[in-house]
Protein backbone atom coordinates (compact mmCIF):
# COMPACT_ATOMS: atom_id res chain seq x y z
CA MET A 1 -144.53 -36.39 -52.42
CA ALA A 2 -144.00 -39.45 -54.60
CA GLN A 3 -141.90 -42.56 -54.17
CA TYR A 4 -140.46 -42.71 -57.68
CA VAL A 5 -136.88 -42.31 -58.90
CA ARG A 6 -137.74 -41.28 -62.42
CA ALA A 7 -139.48 -38.06 -63.31
CA PRO A 8 -143.28 -38.20 -63.43
CA PRO A 9 -144.85 -39.38 -66.70
CA ALA A 10 -147.07 -37.24 -68.85
CA PRO A 11 -150.32 -36.65 -66.97
CA ALA A 12 -153.24 -38.90 -67.81
CA ILE A 13 -156.91 -39.09 -67.02
CA TRP A 14 -158.74 -42.30 -66.22
CA PHE A 15 -162.49 -42.48 -66.57
CA HIS A 16 -164.75 -44.77 -64.61
CA PRO A 17 -165.99 -47.35 -67.16
CA LYS A 18 -169.60 -46.46 -66.34
CA LEU A 19 -169.23 -42.80 -67.16
CA PHE A 20 -170.55 -43.31 -70.67
CA PRO A 21 -173.27 -45.98 -70.34
CA LYS A 22 -175.35 -46.94 -73.34
CA GLN A 23 -178.46 -46.93 -71.19
CA PRO A 24 -179.25 -44.94 -68.03
CA ARG A 25 -178.56 -46.81 -64.81
CA ASN A 26 -180.67 -46.71 -61.68
CA ARG A 27 -178.64 -49.04 -59.49
CA MET A 28 -175.44 -48.25 -57.65
CA ALA A 29 -172.26 -50.20 -58.29
CA LEU A 30 -170.45 -50.00 -54.94
CA ASN A 31 -170.92 -51.47 -51.47
CA PRO A 32 -174.69 -51.83 -50.92
CA ARG A 33 -174.16 -51.99 -47.15
CA ASN A 34 -173.18 -48.34 -47.03
CA ILE A 35 -174.74 -46.79 -50.13
CA THR A 36 -178.45 -46.67 -50.72
CA ALA A 37 -179.74 -47.28 -54.21
CA SER A 38 -182.22 -44.43 -54.02
CA LEU A 39 -180.53 -41.04 -54.23
CA ASN A 40 -181.55 -37.77 -52.66
CA ASN A 41 -184.04 -35.64 -54.56
CA GLU A 42 -181.34 -32.98 -54.83
CA THR A 43 -179.43 -35.31 -57.16
CA THR A 44 -182.03 -34.72 -59.84
CA THR A 45 -181.15 -31.03 -59.93
CA ARG A 46 -177.44 -31.42 -59.24
CA LYS A 47 -175.13 -30.66 -62.16
CA LEU A 48 -173.32 -33.81 -63.21
CA PRO A 49 -170.74 -35.18 -63.59
CA ILE A 50 -168.93 -34.24 -60.38
CA LEU A 51 -165.23 -33.63 -61.01
CA LEU A 52 -162.69 -34.99 -58.51
CA PHE A 53 -159.19 -33.65 -59.06
CA ASP A 54 -155.89 -34.96 -57.88
CA ILE A 55 -153.76 -31.96 -56.90
CA MET A 56 -150.04 -32.57 -57.29
CA ASP A 57 -148.86 -32.48 -60.93
CA THR A 58 -152.50 -32.35 -62.02
CA ILE A 59 -153.43 -28.88 -60.79
CA VAL A 60 -150.29 -27.84 -58.88
CA ARG A 61 -146.63 -28.36 -59.72
CA ASP A 62 -145.05 -30.91 -57.36
CA PRO A 63 -141.79 -29.55 -55.88
CA PHE A 64 -140.59 -33.03 -54.92
CA TYR A 65 -138.71 -33.85 -58.10
CA HIS A 66 -136.50 -30.76 -58.33
CA ASP A 67 -136.93 -28.30 -55.46
CA ILE A 68 -136.67 -30.68 -52.52
CA PRO A 69 -133.56 -32.55 -53.73
CA ALA A 70 -131.94 -29.15 -54.36
CA PHE A 71 -132.90 -28.02 -50.84
CA PHE A 72 -130.99 -30.99 -49.39
CA GLY A 73 -128.11 -30.62 -51.85
CA MET A 74 -128.84 -34.02 -53.38
CA SER A 75 -129.95 -35.58 -56.60
CA LEU A 76 -133.43 -37.10 -56.69
CA LYS A 77 -131.91 -40.58 -56.68
CA GLU A 78 -129.80 -39.79 -53.62
CA LEU A 79 -132.82 -38.41 -51.79
CA ILE A 80 -134.87 -41.52 -52.58
CA GLU A 81 -132.08 -43.76 -51.29
CA CYS A 82 -131.60 -42.02 -47.94
CA LYS A 83 -135.11 -40.96 -46.96
CA HIS A 84 -137.32 -43.15 -44.78
CA PRO A 85 -139.44 -45.44 -46.99
CA THR A 86 -142.78 -44.79 -45.27
CA ALA A 87 -142.48 -41.51 -43.33
CA TRP A 88 -144.01 -39.35 -46.04
CA MET A 89 -146.91 -41.73 -46.62
CA GLU A 90 -147.57 -41.75 -42.88
CA PHE A 91 -147.56 -37.95 -42.98
CA GLU A 92 -149.99 -37.99 -45.92
CA ASN A 93 -152.28 -40.30 -43.98
CA GLY A 94 -152.24 -38.06 -40.91
CA VAL A 95 -150.61 -40.81 -38.85
CA ILE A 96 -147.66 -38.59 -37.90
CA ASN A 97 -147.38 -34.81 -37.54
CA GLU A 98 -144.72 -32.39 -38.80
CA GLU A 99 -142.41 -32.89 -35.82
CA GLU A 100 -142.54 -36.65 -36.18
CA LEU A 101 -141.90 -36.31 -39.92
CA ALA A 102 -138.79 -34.25 -39.19
CA ARG A 103 -137.50 -36.89 -36.78
CA LYS A 104 -137.87 -39.80 -39.18
CA PHE A 105 -137.69 -38.23 -42.65
CA PHE A 106 -134.20 -39.66 -43.17
CA LYS A 107 -133.33 -43.27 -42.44
CA ASP A 108 -130.39 -42.22 -40.28
CA GLY A 109 -132.44 -39.68 -38.33
CA ARG A 110 -130.26 -36.72 -39.34
CA PRO A 111 -131.79 -33.33 -38.40
CA PHE A 112 -132.82 -30.74 -40.97
CA ASP A 113 -134.51 -27.36 -41.16
CA LEU A 114 -138.22 -28.22 -41.24
CA GLU A 115 -139.33 -24.61 -41.64
CA GLY A 116 -136.81 -24.21 -44.45
CA LEU A 117 -138.29 -27.26 -46.19
CA LYS A 118 -141.80 -25.84 -45.84
CA ASP A 119 -140.62 -22.56 -47.33
CA CYS A 120 -139.01 -24.51 -50.17
CA VAL A 121 -142.23 -26.31 -51.08
CA ARG A 122 -144.25 -23.12 -50.70
CA LYS A 123 -142.05 -21.42 -53.30
CA GLY A 124 -142.31 -24.45 -55.57
CA TYR A 125 -146.11 -24.60 -55.63
CA SER A 126 -147.63 -23.07 -58.76
CA TYR A 127 -150.54 -23.81 -61.04
CA ILE A 128 -149.83 -26.15 -63.96
CA GLU A 129 -149.96 -24.02 -67.09
CA GLY A 130 -153.51 -23.53 -68.34
CA VAL A 131 -155.20 -25.31 -65.45
CA GLU A 132 -156.41 -22.27 -63.54
CA GLN A 133 -158.17 -20.99 -66.66
CA LEU A 134 -159.87 -24.37 -67.04
CA LEU A 135 -161.00 -24.33 -63.41
CA GLN A 136 -162.40 -20.84 -63.90
CA SER A 137 -164.37 -22.02 -66.92
CA LEU A 138 -165.71 -25.07 -65.10
CA LYS A 139 -166.75 -22.97 -62.14
CA GLN A 140 -168.55 -20.52 -64.42
CA LYS A 141 -170.48 -23.51 -65.80
CA ASN A 142 -171.44 -24.47 -62.22
CA TYR A 143 -169.67 -27.82 -62.15
CA GLU A 144 -169.18 -29.29 -58.69
CA MET A 145 -165.47 -29.86 -58.09
CA HIS A 146 -163.53 -31.43 -55.23
CA ALA A 147 -159.91 -32.22 -54.41
CA PHE A 148 -159.29 -35.97 -54.19
CA THR A 149 -155.63 -36.21 -53.33
CA ASN A 150 -152.88 -37.97 -51.43
CA TYR A 151 -151.41 -35.08 -49.48
CA PRO A 152 -150.64 -34.10 -45.89
CA ILE A 153 -151.71 -31.09 -43.86
CA TRP A 154 -149.43 -29.02 -46.08
CA TYR A 155 -152.37 -28.72 -48.47
CA LYS A 156 -153.07 -25.63 -46.35
CA ILE A 157 -149.80 -24.12 -47.63
CA ILE A 158 -151.02 -24.69 -51.19
CA GLU A 159 -154.34 -23.08 -50.35
CA ASP A 160 -152.68 -20.13 -48.66
CA LYS A 161 -150.59 -19.43 -51.77
CA LEU A 162 -152.85 -20.40 -54.68
CA LYS A 163 -156.39 -20.07 -53.23
CA ILE A 164 -157.55 -23.25 -54.94
CA SER A 165 -160.75 -23.12 -52.90
CA ASN A 166 -161.87 -20.35 -55.25
CA TYR A 167 -162.60 -23.20 -57.67
CA LEU A 168 -162.98 -26.45 -55.74
CA SER A 169 -163.41 -27.80 -52.25
CA TRP A 170 -160.60 -29.53 -50.33
CA THR A 171 -163.05 -32.30 -49.51
CA PHE A 172 -161.04 -35.48 -49.92
CA CYS A 173 -157.45 -35.29 -48.68
CA SER A 174 -155.70 -38.41 -47.46
CA CYS A 175 -154.66 -36.66 -44.23
CA MET A 176 -158.34 -36.21 -43.35
CA TYR A 177 -159.44 -39.79 -44.09
CA GLY A 178 -156.37 -41.82 -43.14
CA LYS A 179 -156.55 -43.45 -46.58
CA ARG A 180 -154.56 -43.01 -49.77
CA LYS A 181 -155.30 -43.74 -53.40
CA PRO A 182 -155.60 -46.39 -54.76
CA ASP A 183 -157.26 -47.80 -51.61
CA PRO A 184 -160.80 -48.76 -52.75
CA ASP A 185 -162.16 -47.58 -49.41
CA PHE A 186 -161.05 -44.05 -50.23
CA TYR A 187 -163.11 -44.12 -53.43
CA LEU A 188 -166.02 -45.61 -51.52
CA ALA A 189 -165.80 -42.75 -49.02
CA VAL A 190 -166.15 -40.30 -51.91
CA VAL A 191 -169.44 -41.64 -53.25
CA GLU A 192 -170.79 -42.14 -49.74
CA HIS A 193 -170.04 -38.51 -48.93
CA LEU A 194 -171.32 -37.11 -52.23
CA LYS A 195 -174.40 -39.36 -52.30
CA VAL A 196 -174.25 -39.94 -56.04
CA ASP A 197 -173.99 -42.94 -58.30
CA PRO A 198 -170.27 -43.60 -58.98
CA ALA A 199 -171.03 -43.26 -62.69
CA SER A 200 -171.69 -39.58 -62.00
CA CYS A 201 -168.06 -38.94 -60.98
CA ILE A 202 -164.98 -38.23 -63.08
CA PHE A 203 -161.68 -38.91 -61.30
CA ILE A 204 -158.83 -36.85 -62.73
CA ASP A 205 -155.26 -37.86 -61.84
CA ASP A 206 -151.75 -37.66 -63.28
CA ARG A 207 -150.93 -41.27 -62.30
CA PRO A 208 -153.10 -44.10 -63.66
CA SER A 209 -151.64 -46.38 -60.97
CA LYS A 210 -153.69 -44.47 -58.39
CA LEU A 211 -156.85 -45.20 -60.36
CA ARG A 212 -156.39 -48.85 -61.26
CA VAL A 213 -159.17 -49.68 -58.79
CA LEU A 214 -161.53 -48.13 -61.35
CA SER A 215 -160.54 -50.73 -63.99
CA SER A 216 -160.94 -48.13 -66.72
CA LYS A 217 -159.83 -48.60 -70.31
CA HIS A 218 -160.26 -44.92 -71.11
CA THR A 219 -157.09 -42.82 -70.82
CA THR A 220 -155.97 -39.56 -72.35
CA ASN A 221 -153.46 -36.78 -71.91
CA VAL A 222 -154.57 -34.16 -69.38
CA LEU A 223 -154.48 -31.28 -71.84
CA GLU A 224 -156.44 -33.32 -74.40
CA LEU A 225 -159.05 -34.14 -71.78
CA PHE A 226 -159.23 -30.52 -70.70
CA HIS A 227 -159.88 -29.64 -74.35
CA TRP A 228 -162.52 -32.39 -74.54
CA LEU A 229 -164.19 -31.15 -71.37
CA GLY A 230 -164.21 -27.60 -72.68
CA MET A 231 -165.74 -28.64 -76.00
CA HIS A 232 -168.26 -30.93 -74.27
CA ILE A 233 -169.34 -28.15 -71.95
CA TYR A 234 -169.55 -25.64 -74.80
CA HIS A 235 -171.71 -27.89 -77.00
CA SER A 236 -173.96 -29.03 -74.18
CA GLU A 237 -174.62 -25.42 -73.18
CA THR A 238 -175.21 -24.11 -76.69
CA GLN A 239 -177.63 -26.92 -77.52
CA THR A 240 -179.90 -26.30 -74.51
């Protein structure tokens, strides 16, 4: 759930600036205290790059902008004005549970039907057009894919409905790590867990503001990038 009054912008992808180096790199770029420069032998046979997908409005439609205001009988602006400013972020970070969210969702503490809200978001979840076909193609090419998303325990509702784990692993959710993008420590946790050079990761997100820690100058529309990825995969496979 976002904290914006206006509708979300067109999705964009930000690349790590080291994803396309002129020369191969053997040294790691992040915290040397926690990441060793020598990688596991398995890295040499691991298919790279590793793809790390944001979920909401990148893979799955976010019901926040239309469905949830309608559930409360409000406009999006009205909802933004009367909801608690940090409750949802605390829920995303796993700091509070569902019951605590229900108690403090609104500034004035008004009660609401929590199960009704969960049913509302469940109905609103759907794949962004064309994305499931892309995920199928990437899986067939044996690319390693993970969720890297700011979302609460309700990611299980998404999984129950859309079975996203058929394509990628729910490895990096903010509710599991107590961190949210763009916290640099969240990105650090990714490369520590995956045991790869950060240049071997592509972070895919609909909001460049979440990825400003990457300091990338490379942006593109999601559908254009998906096309690029598809063409890149096709040519790399046909030339081997």
